[in-house]
């Protein structure tokens, strides 16, 4: 989905984060090749960050870690998904 959005001009690939270490750059290039996606390395890096963030949130939800804080977690989850979409460079839609 992200690669398609990038191809259609719907991803802001600007990167204001720290410089990627050489080892990570090589890993991202390999991953891009294996997945067959054409994404700038900074976008692929942010995609991995967002994926792990959202996976962690699912784990928290499934193990009851939000009980007593943001329970039910629907609003927090929706807010975080939007933040992660912006973080990877997807334009806000609506």
C-alpha atoms as a PDB file:
ATOM      1  CA  UNK A   1       0.000   0.000   0.000  1.00  0.00           C
ATOM      2  CA  UNK A   2       2.759   2.423   0.900  1.00  0.00           C
ATOM      3  CA  UNK A   3       4.699   1.660  -2.278  1.00  0.00           C
ATOM      4  CA  UNK A   4       1.570   2.274  -4.362  1.00  0.00           C
ATOM      5  CA  UNK A   5       0.916   5.550  -2.554  1.00  0.00           C
ATOM      6  CA  UNK A   6       4.535   6.595  -3.150  1.00  0.00           C
ATOM      7  CA  UNK A   7       4.281   5.729  -6.853  1.00  0.00           C
ATOM      8  CA  UNK A   8       1.112   7.860  -7.083  1.00  0.00           C
ATOM      9  CA  UNK A   9       2.776  10.816  -5.327  1.00  0.00           C
ATOM     10  CA  UNK A  10       0.869  10.339  -2.072  1.00  0.00           C
ATOM     11  CA  UNK A  11       3.917   9.965   0.180  1.00  0.00           C
ATOM     12  CA  UNK A  12       6.069  12.764   1.508  1.00  0.00           C
ATOM     13  CA  UNK A  13       9.540  11.232   1.402  1.00  0.00           C
ATOM     14  CA  UNK A  14      11.248  14.191   3.100  1.00  0.00           C
ATOM     15  CA  UNK A  15      13.458  12.996   5.919  1.00  0.00           C
ATOM     16  CA  UNK A  16      14.343  15.184   8.864  1.00  0.00           C
ATOM     17  CA  UNK A  17      15.416  12.305  11.078  1.00  0.00           C
ATOM     18  CA  UNK A  18      18.889  11.195  12.040  1.00  0.00           C
ATOM     19  CA  UNK A  19      21.193   9.808   9.359  1.00  0.00           C
ATOM     20  CA  UNK A  20      20.679   6.109   8.812  1.00  0.00           C
ATOM     21  CA  UNK A  21      23.675   3.952   9.779  1.00  0.00           C
ATOM     22  CA  UNK A  22      25.388   2.129   6.886  1.00  0.00           C
ATOM     23  CA  UNK A  23      24.360  -1.286   8.235  1.00  0.00           C
ATOM     24  CA  UNK A  24      20.693  -0.255   8.366  1.00  0.00           C
ATOM     25  CA  UNK A  25      20.891   1.250   4.878  1.00  0.00           C
ATOM     26  CA  UNK A  26      22.177  -2.069   3.550  1.00  0.00           C
ATOM     27  CA  UNK A  27      19.410  -3.961   5.375  1.00  0.00           C
ATOM     28  CA  UNK A  28      16.772  -1.617   3.957  1.00  0.00           C
ATOM     29  CA  UNK A  29      18.149  -1.999   0.423  1.00  0.00           C
ATOM     30  CA  UNK A  30      18.038  -5.784   0.789  1.00  0.00           C
ATOM     31  CA  UNK A  31      14.510  -5.672   2.202  1.00  0.00           C
ATOM     32  CA  UNK A  32      13.344  -3.400  -0.607  1.00  0.00           C
ATOM     33  CA  UNK A  33      14.739  -5.841  -3.165  1.00  0.00           C
ATOM     34  CA  UNK A  34      13.241  -8.896  -1.471  1.00  0.00           C
ATOM     35  CA  UNK A  35       9.823  -7.239  -1.149  1.00  0.00           C
ATOM     36  CA  UNK A  36       9.983  -5.823  -4.655  1.00  0.00           C
ATOM     37  CA  UNK A  37       9.049  -2.330  -3.497  1.00  0.00           C
ATOM     38  CA  UNK A  38      10.463   0.947  -4.721  1.00  0.00           C
ATOM     39  CA  UNK A  39      10.548   3.180  -1.676  1.00  0.00           C
ATOM     40  CA  UNK A  40      13.104   5.697  -0.492  1.00  0.00           C
ATOM     41  CA  UNK A  41      15.103   4.163   2.327  1.00  0.00           C
ATOM     42  CA  UNK A  42      13.868   6.793   4.803  1.00  0.00           C
ATOM     43  CA  UNK A  43      10.243   5.884   4.017  1.00  0.00           C
ATOM     44  CA  UNK A  44      10.920   2.163   4.350  1.00  0.00           C
ATOM     45  CA  UNK A  45      12.687   2.841   7.652  1.00  0.00           C
ATOM     46  CA  UNK A  46       9.699   4.820   8.956  1.00  0.00           C
ATOM     47  CA  UNK A  47       7.383   2.065   7.715  1.00  0.00           C
ATOM     48  CA  UNK A  48       9.251  -0.465   9.872  1.00  0.00           C
ATOM     49  CA  UNK A  49       9.048   1.862  12.876  1.00  0.00           C
ATOM     50  CA  UNK A  50       5.282   2.288  12.372  1.00  0.00           C
ATOM     51  CA  UNK A  51       4.769  -1.450  11.861  1.00  0.00           C
ATOM     52  CA  UNK A  52       6.506  -2.301  15.132  1.00  0.00           C
ATOM     53  CA  UNK A  53       4.660   0.495  16.960  1.00  0.00           C
ATOM     54  CA  UNK A  54       1.280  -0.754  15.783  1.00  0.00           C
ATOM     55  CA  UNK A  55       2.209  -4.399  16.425  1.00  0.00           C
ATOM     56  CA  UNK A  56       3.175  -3.458  19.963  1.00  0.00           C
ATOM     57  CA  UNK A  57      -0.149  -1.706  20.448  1.00  0.00           C
ATOM     58  CA  UNK A  58      -1.990  -4.831  19.319  1.00  0.00           C
ATOM     59  CA  UNK A  59       0.018  -6.861  21.799  1.00  0.00           C
ATOM     60  CA  UNK A  60      -0.880  -4.399  24.553  1.00  0.00           C
ATOM     61  CA  UNK A  61      -4.561  -4.647  23.644  1.00  0.00           C
ATOM     62  CA  UNK A  62      -4.533  -8.447  23.526  1.00  0.00           C
ATOM     63  CA  UNK A  63      -2.797  -8.750  26.895  1.00  0.00           C
ATOM     64  CA  UNK A  64      -4.910  -6.133  28.705  1.00  0.00           C
ATOM     65  CA  UNK A  65      -2.123  -3.579  29.164  1.00  0.00           C
ATOM     66  CA  UNK A  66      -4.450  -0.657  28.431  1.00  0.00           C
ATOM     67  CA  UNK A  67      -6.811  -1.529  31.303  1.00  0.00           C
ATOM     68  CA  UNK A  68      -6.790   1.320  33.780  1.00  0.00           C
ATOM     69  CA  UNK A  69      -5.248   3.816  31.375  1.00  0.00           C
ATOM     70  CA  UNK A  70      -6.863   4.189  27.936  1.00  0.00           C
ATOM     71  CA  UNK A  71      -9.561   1.559  28.244  1.00  0.00           C
ATOM     72  CA  UNK A  72     -11.328   1.113  25.921  1.00  0.00           C
ATOM     73  CA  UNK A  73      -8.389   1.900  23.654  1.00  0.00           C
ATOM     74  CA  UNK A  74     -10.371   2.637  20.484  1.00  0.00           C
ATOM     75  CA  UNK A  75      -9.731   6.401  20.458  1.00  0.00           C
ATOM     76  CA  UNK A  76      -6.046   5.945  21.332  1.00  0.00           C
ATOM     77  CA  UNK A  77      -5.595   3.296  18.659  1.00  0.00           C
ATOM     78  CA  UNK A  78      -7.300   5.417  15.965  1.00  0.00           C
ATOM     79  CA  UNK A  79      -5.210   8.438  16.973  1.00  0.00           C
ATOM     80  CA  UNK A  80      -1.990   6.415  16.842  1.00  0.00           C
ATOM     81  CA  UNK A  81      -2.817   4.906  13.440  1.00  0.00           C
ATOM     82  CA  UNK A  82      -3.292   8.434  12.073  1.00  0.00           C
ATOM     83  CA  UNK A  83      -0.012   9.574  13.630  1.00  0.00           C
ATOM     84  CA  UNK A  84       1.841   6.592  12.186  1.00  0.00           C
ATOM     85  CA  UNK A  85       0.304   7.231   8.741  1.00  0.00           C
ATOM     86  CA  UNK A  86       1.589  10.792   8.886  1.00  0.00           C
ATOM     87  CA  UNK A  87       4.932   9.581  10.246  1.00  0.00           C
ATOM     88  CA  UNK A  88       5.505   7.320   7.228  1.00  0.00           C
ATOM     89  CA  UNK A  89       4.578  10.248   4.961  1.00  0.00           C
ATOM     90  CA  UNK A  90       1.028   9.436   3.902  1.00  0.00           C
ATOM     91  CA  UNK A  91      -1.003  12.524   3.143  1.00  0.00           C
ATOM     92  CA  UNK A  92      -3.990  13.079   5.348  1.00  0.00           C
ATOM     93  CA  UNK A  93      -7.172  12.067   3.558  1.00  0.00           C
ATOM     94  CA  UNK A  94     -10.259  13.866   4.803  1.00  0.00           C
END
